[in-house]
């Protein structure tokens, strides 16, 4: 897994910031081309413990974005390893599937937090969906999650956050993304933490309330196709 990078140009020198592609934890900052050549072949993320491969050149180190189409293609290729079958499609990204002998109505997403971004719960098929198939689990959902980034897949029970997530260790965009998902899913512990945030930082408290309101509101235009 290669790091996500952000480049900044200062005078004639380009500096790179390396982040873990899973949790966005900063691994190195202000890395020059010369310093890049001295980096080890991989770095361990201190937050999620994932081993992140460092490419030989920064131009080859951008993180690919996993769309719904790419995730669906990957799921089809990994059916045997995942002990899964596609029974029938119900819509472009909604499938009737069997996973390890259990029957599900699954919705395909690139990343699990996109379930909220796509307002899937506003769709007529939403009440039938009890499994989210994604490349990377990046949220907390009411449904079970099947993550495809490892060859044999990884399953998460409903209301379960990614393994690296610690609700008590606040901070960072990736943490906030999972936390907002837990609020939207109605996770009780998330609301307990939200009350603590309200006492410690009213600005952060209202920021989380605004974000959850945005993700539950109807968007103008056509609904997303599922």
C-alpha atoms as a PDB file:
ATOM      1  CA  UNK A   1       0.000   0.000   0.000  1.00  0.00           C
ATOM      2  CA  UNK A   2       1.510   3.302  -1.066  1.00  0.00           C
ATOM      3  CA  UNK A   3       1.157   6.612   0.788  1.00  0.00           C
ATOM      4  CA  UNK A   4      -1.051   9.503  -0.153  1.00  0.00           C
ATOM      5  CA  UNK A   5       1.054  12.564  -0.816  1.00  0.00           C
ATOM      6  CA  UNK A   6       0.678  16.295  -0.936  1.00  0.00           C
ATOM      7  CA  UNK A   7       3.319  18.381  -2.709  1.00  0.00           C
ATOM      8  CA  UNK A   8       4.126  21.996  -1.901  1.00  0.00           C
ATOM      9  CA  UNK A   9       6.475  24.164  -3.967  1.00  0.00           C
ATOM     10  CA  UNK A  10       8.663  26.552  -1.970  1.00  0.00           C
ATOM     11  CA  UNK A  11      10.861  28.701  -4.218  1.00  0.00           C
ATOM     12  CA  UNK A  12      12.440  26.141  -6.595  1.00  0.00           C
ATOM     13  CA  UNK A  13      12.157  23.121  -4.280  1.00  0.00           C
ATOM     14  CA  UNK A  14       9.196  20.766  -4.006  1.00  0.00           C
ATOM     15  CA  UNK A  15       8.437  19.336  -0.565  1.00  0.00           C
ATOM     16  CA  UNK A  16       6.265  16.269   0.015  1.00  0.00           C
ATOM     17  CA  UNK A  17       4.094  15.228   2.920  1.00  0.00           C
ATOM     18  CA  UNK A  18       3.506  11.489   3.207  1.00  0.00           C
ATOM     19  CA  UNK A  19       0.304  10.231   4.860  1.00  0.00           C
ATOM     20  CA  UNK A  20      -1.005   6.778   5.582  1.00  0.00           C
ATOM     21  CA  UNK A  21      -3.572   5.926   2.873  1.00  0.00           C
ATOM     22  CA  UNK A  22      -5.812   4.256   5.470  1.00  0.00           C
ATOM     23  CA  UNK A  23      -6.099   6.720   8.345  1.00  0.00           C
ATOM     24  CA  UNK A  24      -4.352   9.822   6.884  1.00  0.00           C
ATOM     25  CA  UNK A  25      -1.849   9.912   9.745  1.00  0.00           C
ATOM     26  CA  UNK A  26       1.190  12.000   8.763  1.00  0.00           C
ATOM     27  CA  UNK A  27       4.241   9.764   8.268  1.00  0.00           C
ATOM     28  CA  UNK A  28       6.781  12.356   7.072  1.00  0.00           C
ATOM     29  CA  UNK A  29       6.594  16.066   6.305  1.00  0.00           C
ATOM     30  CA  UNK A  30       8.648  18.472   4.209  1.00  0.00           C
ATOM     31  CA  UNK A  31      10.444  15.670   2.372  1.00  0.00           C
ATOM     32  CA  UNK A  32      12.738  16.860  -0.413  1.00  0.00           C
ATOM     33  CA  UNK A  33      13.687  14.767  -3.453  1.00  0.00           C
ATOM     34  CA  UNK A  34      17.141  14.238  -1.929  1.00  0.00           C
ATOM     35  CA  UNK A  35      15.651  13.150   1.402  1.00  0.00           C
ATOM     36  CA  UNK A  36      13.189  10.886  -0.413  1.00  0.00           C
ATOM     37  CA  UNK A  37      16.089   8.769  -1.693  1.00  0.00           C
ATOM     38  CA  UNK A  38      17.138   8.155   1.915  1.00  0.00           C
ATOM     39  CA  UNK A  39      13.717   6.901   3.036  1.00  0.00           C
ATOM     40  CA  UNK A  40      13.306   3.216   3.946  1.00  0.00           C
ATOM     41  CA  UNK A  41      11.329   0.973   1.611  1.00  0.00           C
ATOM     42  CA  UNK A  42       8.354   1.085   3.989  1.00  0.00           C
ATOM     43  CA  UNK A  43       7.085   2.985   7.023  1.00  0.00           C
ATOM     44  CA  UNK A  44       4.846   1.759   9.826  1.00  0.00           C
ATOM     45  CA  UNK A  45       1.862   3.982  10.595  1.00  0.00           C
ATOM     46  CA  UNK A  46       1.871   4.775  14.352  1.00  0.00           C
ATOM     47  CA  UNK A  47      -1.920   5.138  14.400  1.00  0.00           C
ATOM     48  CA  UNK A  48      -3.316   2.141  12.494  1.00  0.00           C
ATOM     49  CA  UNK A  49      -0.098   0.027  12.470  1.00  0.00           C
ATOM     50  CA  UNK A  50      -0.305  -0.567   8.692  1.00  0.00           C
ATOM     51  CA  UNK A  51       2.937  -1.105   6.821  1.00  0.00           C
ATOM     52  CA  UNK A  52       3.040   1.562   4.077  1.00  0.00           C
ATOM     53  CA  UNK A  53       5.274   0.925   1.067  1.00  0.00           C
ATOM     54  CA  UNK A  54       7.329   3.900  -0.107  1.00  0.00           C
ATOM     55  CA  UNK A  55       7.767   4.089  -3.922  1.00  0.00           C
ATOM     56  CA  UNK A  56      11.178   4.801  -5.393  1.00  0.00           C
ATOM     57  CA  UNK A  57       9.998   8.114  -6.895  1.00  0.00           C
ATOM     58  CA  UNK A  58       7.294  10.489  -5.613  1.00  0.00           C
ATOM     59  CA  UNK A  59       5.608  10.589  -9.008  1.00  0.00           C
ATOM     60  CA  UNK A  60       4.698   6.930  -8.564  1.00  0.00           C
ATOM     61  CA  UNK A  61       3.339   7.253  -5.060  1.00  0.00           C
ATOM     62  CA  UNK A  62      -0.120   8.723  -5.494  1.00  0.00           C
ATOM     63  CA  UNK A  63      -2.959   6.730  -3.941  1.00  0.00           C
ATOM     64  CA  UNK A  64      -5.517   5.383  -6.434  1.00  0.00           C
ATOM     65  CA  UNK A  65      -9.122   6.356  -5.818  1.00  0.00           C
ATOM     66  CA  UNK A  66     -11.462   3.380  -5.593  1.00  0.00           C
ATOM     67  CA  UNK A  67     -14.743   4.032  -7.338  1.00  0.00           C
ATOM     68  CA  UNK A  68     -17.864   1.909  -7.065  1.00  0.00           C
ATOM     69  CA  UNK A  69     -17.107   0.402 -10.476  1.00  0.00           C
ATOM     70  CA  UNK A  70     -13.570  -0.627  -9.485  1.00  0.00           C
ATOM     71  CA  UNK A  71     -14.869  -2.119  -6.231  1.00  0.00           C
ATOM     72  CA  UNK A  72     -17.555  -4.057  -8.068  1.00  0.00           C
ATOM     73  CA  UNK A  73     -14.988  -5.413 -10.535  1.00  0.00           C
ATOM     74  CA  UNK A  74     -12.695  -6.408  -7.658  1.00  0.00           C
ATOM     75  CA  UNK A  75     -15.546  -8.177  -5.862  1.00  0.00           C
ATOM     76  CA  UNK A  76     -16.310 -10.200  -8.988  1.00  0.00           C
ATOM     77  CA  UNK A  77     -12.653 -11.187  -9.321  1.00  0.00           C
ATOM     78  CA  UNK A  78     -12.405 -12.235  -5.660  1.00  0.00           C
ATOM     79  CA  UNK A  79     -15.662 -14.221  -5.454  1.00  0.00           C
ATOM     80  CA  UNK A  80     -13.904 -17.548  -4.937  1.00  0.00           C
ATOM     81  CA  UNK A  81     -11.495 -16.232  -2.278  1.00  0.00           C
ATOM     82  CA  UNK A  82     -14.366 -14.477  -0.483  1.00  0.00           C
ATOM     83  CA  UNK A  83     -16.528 -17.638  -0.610  1.00  0.00           C
ATOM     84  CA  UNK A  84     -19.202 -15.526  -2.258  1.00  0.00           C
ATOM     85  CA  UNK A  85     -21.630 -15.663  -5.163  1.00  0.00           C
ATOM     86  CA  UNK A  86     -23.721 -13.024  -6.902  1.00  0.00           C
ATOM     87  CA  UNK A  87     -27.311 -14.275  -6.983  1.00  0.00           C
ATOM     88  CA  UNK A  88     -28.668 -11.434  -9.099  1.00  0.00           C
ATOM     89  CA  UNK A  89     -28.276  -7.673  -9.551  1.00  0.00           C
ATOM     90  CA  UNK A  90     -31.121  -5.506  -8.211  1.00  0.00           C
ATOM     91  CA  UNK A  91     -29.616  -2.253  -9.502  1.00  0.00           C
ATOM     92  CA  UNK A  92     -26.258  -1.156 -10.858  1.00  0.00           C
ATOM     93  CA  UNK A  93     -24.622  -1.105  -7.399  1.00  0.00           C
ATOM     94  CA  UNK A  94     -27.108  -3.191  -5.391  1.00  0.00           C
ATOM     95  CA  UNK A  95     -26.699  -6.954  -5.522  1.00  0.00           C
ATOM     96  CA  UNK A  96     -28.323  -9.982  -4.015  1.00  0.00           C
ATOM     97  CA  UNK A  97     -25.322 -12.023  -2.819  1.00  0.00           C
ATOM     98  CA  UNK A  98     -24.305 -14.953  -0.692  1.00  0.00           C
ATOM     99  CA  UNK A  99     -21.208 -14.602   1.489  1.00  0.00           C
ATOM    100  CA  UNK A 100     -20.012 -17.731   3.299  1.00  0.00           C
ATOM    101  CA  UNK A 101     -23.455 -19.262   2.935  1.00  0.00           C
ATOM    102  CA  UNK A 102     -25.384 -16.235   4.264  1.00  0.00           C
ATOM    103  CA  UNK A 103     -27.783 -14.265   2.095  1.00  0.00           C
ATOM    104  CA  UNK A 104     -27.495 -10.446   1.847  1.00  0.00           C
ATOM    105  CA  UNK A 105     -28.702  -7.473  -0.139  1.00  0.00           C
ATOM    106  CA  UNK A 106     -25.458  -5.585  -0.696  1.00  0.00           C
ATOM    107  CA  UNK A 107     -24.664  -2.026  -1.757  1.00  0.00           C
ATOM    108  CA  UNK A 108     -21.281  -1.431  -3.411  1.00  0.00           C
ATOM    109  CA  UNK A 109     -19.187   1.613  -2.458  1.00  0.00           C
ATOM    110  CA  UNK A 110     -15.570   2.577  -3.077  1.00  0.00           C
ATOM    111  CA  UNK A 111     -15.155   3.560   0.586  1.00  0.00           C
ATOM    112  CA  UNK A 112     -17.755   2.814   3.232  1.00  0.00           C
ATOM    113  CA  UNK A 113     -18.222   6.472   4.265  1.00  0.00           C
ATOM    114  CA  UNK A 114     -19.571   7.131   0.748  1.00  0.00           C
ATOM    115  CA  UNK A 115     -22.746   5.315   1.792  1.00  0.00           C
ATOM    116  CA  UNK A 116     -23.625   8.557   3.605  1.00  0.00           C
ATOM    117  CA  UNK A 117     -22.243  10.842   0.899  1.00  0.00           C
ATOM    118  CA  UNK A 118     -24.435   9.107  -1.696  1.00  0.00           C
ATOM    119  CA  UNK A 119     -27.511   9.420   0.556  1.00  0.00           C
ATOM    120  CA  UNK A 120     -28.262   5.740  -0.047  1.00  0.00           C
ATOM    121  CA  UNK A 121     -30.685   5.727   2.889  1.00  0.00           C
ATOM    122  CA  UNK A 122     -32.942   8.037   0.858  1.00  0.00           C
ATOM    123  CA  UNK A 123     -33.287   5.399  -1.862  1.00  0.00           C
ATOM    124  CA  UNK A 124     -36.292   2.998  -1.945  1.00  0.00           C
ATOM    125  CA  UNK A 125     -33.954  -0.025  -1.850  1.00  0.00           C
ATOM    126  CA  UNK A 126     -32.166   1.185   1.293  1.00  0.00           C
ATOM    127  CA  UNK A 127     -34.351  -0.733   3.762  1.00  0.00           C
ATOM    128  CA  UNK A 128     -33.353  -3.998   2.107  1.00  0.00           C
ATOM    129  CA  UNK A 129     -29.591  -3.333   2.235  1.00  0.00           C
ATOM    130  CA  UNK A 130     -27.880  -5.243   5.039  1.00  0.00           C
ATOM    131  CA  UNK A 131     -24.313  -5.427   3.686  1.00  0.00           C
ATOM    132  CA  UNK A 132     -21.908  -2.789   2.348  1.00  0.00           C
ATOM    133  CA  UNK A 133     -19.188  -4.065   0.031  1.00  0.00           C
ATOM    134  CA  UNK A 134     -16.286  -1.595  -0.180  1.00  0.00           C
ATOM    135  CA  UNK A 135     -12.614  -1.469  -0.959  1.00  0.00           C
ATOM    136  CA  UNK A 136     -11.791   0.252   2.338  1.00  0.00           C
ATOM    137  CA  UNK A 137     -13.890   0.566   5.507  1.00  0.00           C
ATOM    138  CA  UNK A 138     -13.726   4.254   6.508  1.00  0.00           C
ATOM    139  CA  UNK A 139     -16.851   4.816   8.610  1.00  0.00           C
ATOM    140  CA  UNK A 140     -19.323   3.237  11.011  1.00  0.00           C
ATOM    141  CA  UNK A 141     -22.561   1.852   9.571  1.00  0.00           C
ATOM    142  CA  UNK A 142     -25.741   0.139  10.696  1.00  0.00           C
ATOM    143  CA  UNK A 143     -25.034  -2.612   8.163  1.00  0.00           C
ATOM    144  CA  UNK A 144     -22.350  -5.283   8.072  1.00  0.00           C
ATOM    145  CA  UNK A 145     -19.306  -4.345   5.981  1.00  0.00           C
ATOM    146  CA  UNK A 146     -17.188  -6.508   3.675  1.00  0.00           C
ATOM    147  CA  UNK A 147     -13.834  -4.822   3.019  1.00  0.00           C
ATOM    148  CA  UNK A 148     -11.953  -6.016  -0.092  1.00  0.00           C
ATOM    149  CA  UNK A 149      -8.492  -4.474   0.303  1.00  0.00           C
ATOM    150  CA  UNK A 150      -7.027  -7.806   1.472  1.00  0.00           C
ATOM    151  CA  UNK A 151      -7.203 -10.872  -0.804  1.00  0.00           C
ATOM    152  CA  UNK A 152      -9.462 -12.840   1.572  1.00  0.00           C
ATOM    153  CA  UNK A 153     -11.512  -9.797   2.593  1.00  0.00           C
ATOM    154  CA  UNK A 154     -12.356  -8.570   6.074  1.00  0.00           C
ATOM    155  CA  UNK A 155     -15.815  -8.544   7.607  1.00  0.00           C
ATOM    156  CA  UNK A 156     -17.088  -6.022  10.146  1.00  0.00           C
ATOM    157  CA  UNK A 157     -20.242  -6.422  12.182  1.00  0.00           C
ATOM    158  CA  UNK A 158     -22.883  -3.685  12.093  1.00  0.00           C
ATOM    159  CA  UNK A 159     -21.955  -0.578  14.138  1.00  0.00           C
ATOM    160  CA  UNK A 160     -18.266  -1.557  14.047  1.00  0.00           C
ATOM    161  CA  UNK A 161     -15.600   1.015  13.145  1.00  0.00           C
ATOM    162  CA  UNK A 162     -12.286   0.244  11.373  1.00  0.00           C
ATOM    163  CA  UNK A 163      -9.744  -1.591  13.526  1.00  0.00           C
ATOM    164  CA  UNK A 164      -7.476   1.448  13.902  1.00  0.00           C
ATOM    165  CA  UNK A 165     -10.254   3.703  15.228  1.00  0.00           C
ATOM    166  CA  UNK A 166     -10.249   4.565  18.936  1.00  0.00           C
ATOM    167  CA  UNK A 167     -13.202   6.741  19.896  1.00  0.00           C
ATOM    168  CA  UNK A 168     -11.308   8.144  22.897  1.00  0.00           C
ATOM    169  CA  UNK A 169      -8.285   9.239  20.837  1.00  0.00           C
ATOM    170  CA  UNK A 170      -9.784  12.226  19.060  1.00  0.00           C
ATOM    171  CA  UNK A 171      -8.217  14.164  16.223  1.00  0.00           C
ATOM    172  CA  UNK A 172      -7.605  14.113  12.510  1.00  0.00           C
ATOM    173  CA  UNK A 173      -9.847  14.090   9.483  1.00  0.00           C
ATOM    174  CA  UNK A 174     -10.036  10.299   9.268  1.00  0.00           C
ATOM    175  CA  UNK A 175     -11.087  10.041  12.930  1.00  0.00           C
ATOM    176  CA  UNK A 176     -13.762  12.708  12.443  1.00  0.00           C
ATOM    177  CA  UNK A 177     -15.079  10.896   9.366  1.00  0.00           C
ATOM    178  CA  UNK A 178     -15.598   7.657  11.312  1.00  0.00           C
ATOM    179  CA  UNK A 179     -17.027   9.546  14.293  1.00  0.00           C
ATOM    180  CA  UNK A 180     -19.623  11.308  12.149  1.00  0.00           C
ATOM    181  CA  UNK A 181     -20.536   7.926  10.676  1.00  0.00           C
ATOM    182  CA  UNK A 182     -21.056   6.566  14.190  1.00  0.00           C
ATOM    183  CA  UNK A 183     -23.364   9.496  14.976  1.00  0.00           C
ATOM    184  CA  UNK A 184     -25.363   8.892  11.791  1.00  0.00           C
ATOM    185  CA  UNK A 185     -25.605   5.187  12.622  1.00  0.00           C
ATOM    186  CA  UNK A 186     -26.998   6.009  16.070  1.00  0.00           C
ATOM    187  CA  UNK A 187     -24.049   4.523  17.959  1.00  0.00           C
ATOM    188  CA  UNK A 188     -24.694   5.201  21.660  1.00  0.00           C
ATOM    189  CA  UNK A 189     -21.050   5.626  22.675  1.00  0.00           C
ATOM    190  CA  UNK A 190     -20.557   8.225  19.942  1.00  0.00           C
ATOM    191  CA  UNK A 191     -23.285  10.396  21.460  1.00  0.00           C
ATOM    192  CA  UNK A 192     -21.678  10.073  24.891  1.00  0.00           C
ATOM    193  CA  UNK A 193     -18.415  11.350  23.407  1.00  0.00           C
ATOM    194  CA  UNK A 194     -20.318  14.110  21.592  1.00  0.00           C
ATOM    195  CA  UNK A 195     -21.602  15.392  24.928  1.00  0.00           C
ATOM    196  CA  UNK A 196     -18.033  15.455  26.241  1.00  0.00           C
ATOM    197  CA  UNK A 197     -16.997  17.438  23.164  1.00  0.00           C
ATOM    198  CA  UNK A 198     -19.877  19.843  23.814  1.00  0.00           C
ATOM    199  CA  UNK A 199     -18.444  20.667  27.240  1.00  0.00           C
ATOM    200  CA  UNK A 200     -14.844  20.903  26.056  1.00  0.00           C
ATOM    201  CA  UNK A 201     -15.266  22.608  22.676  1.00  0.00           C
ATOM    202  CA  UNK A 202     -18.681  24.025  21.705  1.00  0.00           C
ATOM    203  CA  UNK A 203     -17.303  24.991  18.270  1.00  0.00           C
ATOM    204  CA  UNK A 204     -16.337  21.379  17.514  1.00  0.00           C
ATOM    205  CA  UNK A 205     -19.676  20.170  18.888  1.00  0.00           C
ATOM    206  CA  UNK A 206     -21.668  22.363  16.512  1.00  0.00           C
ATOM    207  CA  UNK A 207     -19.340  21.456  13.648  1.00  0.00           C
ATOM    208  CA  UNK A 208     -20.215  17.770  14.103  1.00  0.00           C
ATOM    209  CA  UNK A 209     -23.919  18.618  14.337  1.00  0.00           C
ATOM    210  CA  UNK A 210     -23.734  20.599  11.079  1.00  0.00           C
ATOM    211  CA  UNK A 211     -21.953  17.768   9.317  1.00  0.00           C
ATOM    212  CA  UNK A 212     -24.487  15.150  10.395  1.00  0.00           C
ATOM    213  CA  UNK A 213     -27.310  17.486   9.330  1.00  0.00           C
ATOM    214  CA  UNK A 214     -25.683  17.953   5.899  1.00  0.00           C
ATOM    215  CA  UNK A 215     -25.411  14.204   5.359  1.00  0.00           C
ATOM    216  CA  UNK A 216     -29.017  13.500   6.326  1.00  0.00           C
ATOM    217  CA  UNK A 217     -30.523  16.304   4.237  1.00  0.00           C
ATOM    218  CA  UNK A 218     -31.911  15.797   0.735  1.00  0.00           C
ATOM    219  CA  UNK A 219     -29.615  17.081  -2.011  1.00  0.00           C
ATOM    220  CA  UNK A 220     -30.975  19.028  -4.947  1.00  0.00           C
ATOM    221  CA  UNK A 221     -31.103  17.300  -8.316  1.00  0.00           C
ATOM    222  CA  UNK A 222     -31.391  13.652  -9.239  1.00  0.00           C
ATOM    223  CA  UNK A 223     -30.747  11.018  -6.537  1.00  0.00           C
ATOM    224  CA  UNK A 224     -27.616   8.944  -6.893  1.00  0.00           C
ATOM    225  CA  UNK A 225     -28.063   5.778  -8.918  1.00  0.00           C
ATOM    226  CA  UNK A 226     -27.766   2.577  -6.916  1.00  0.00           C
END
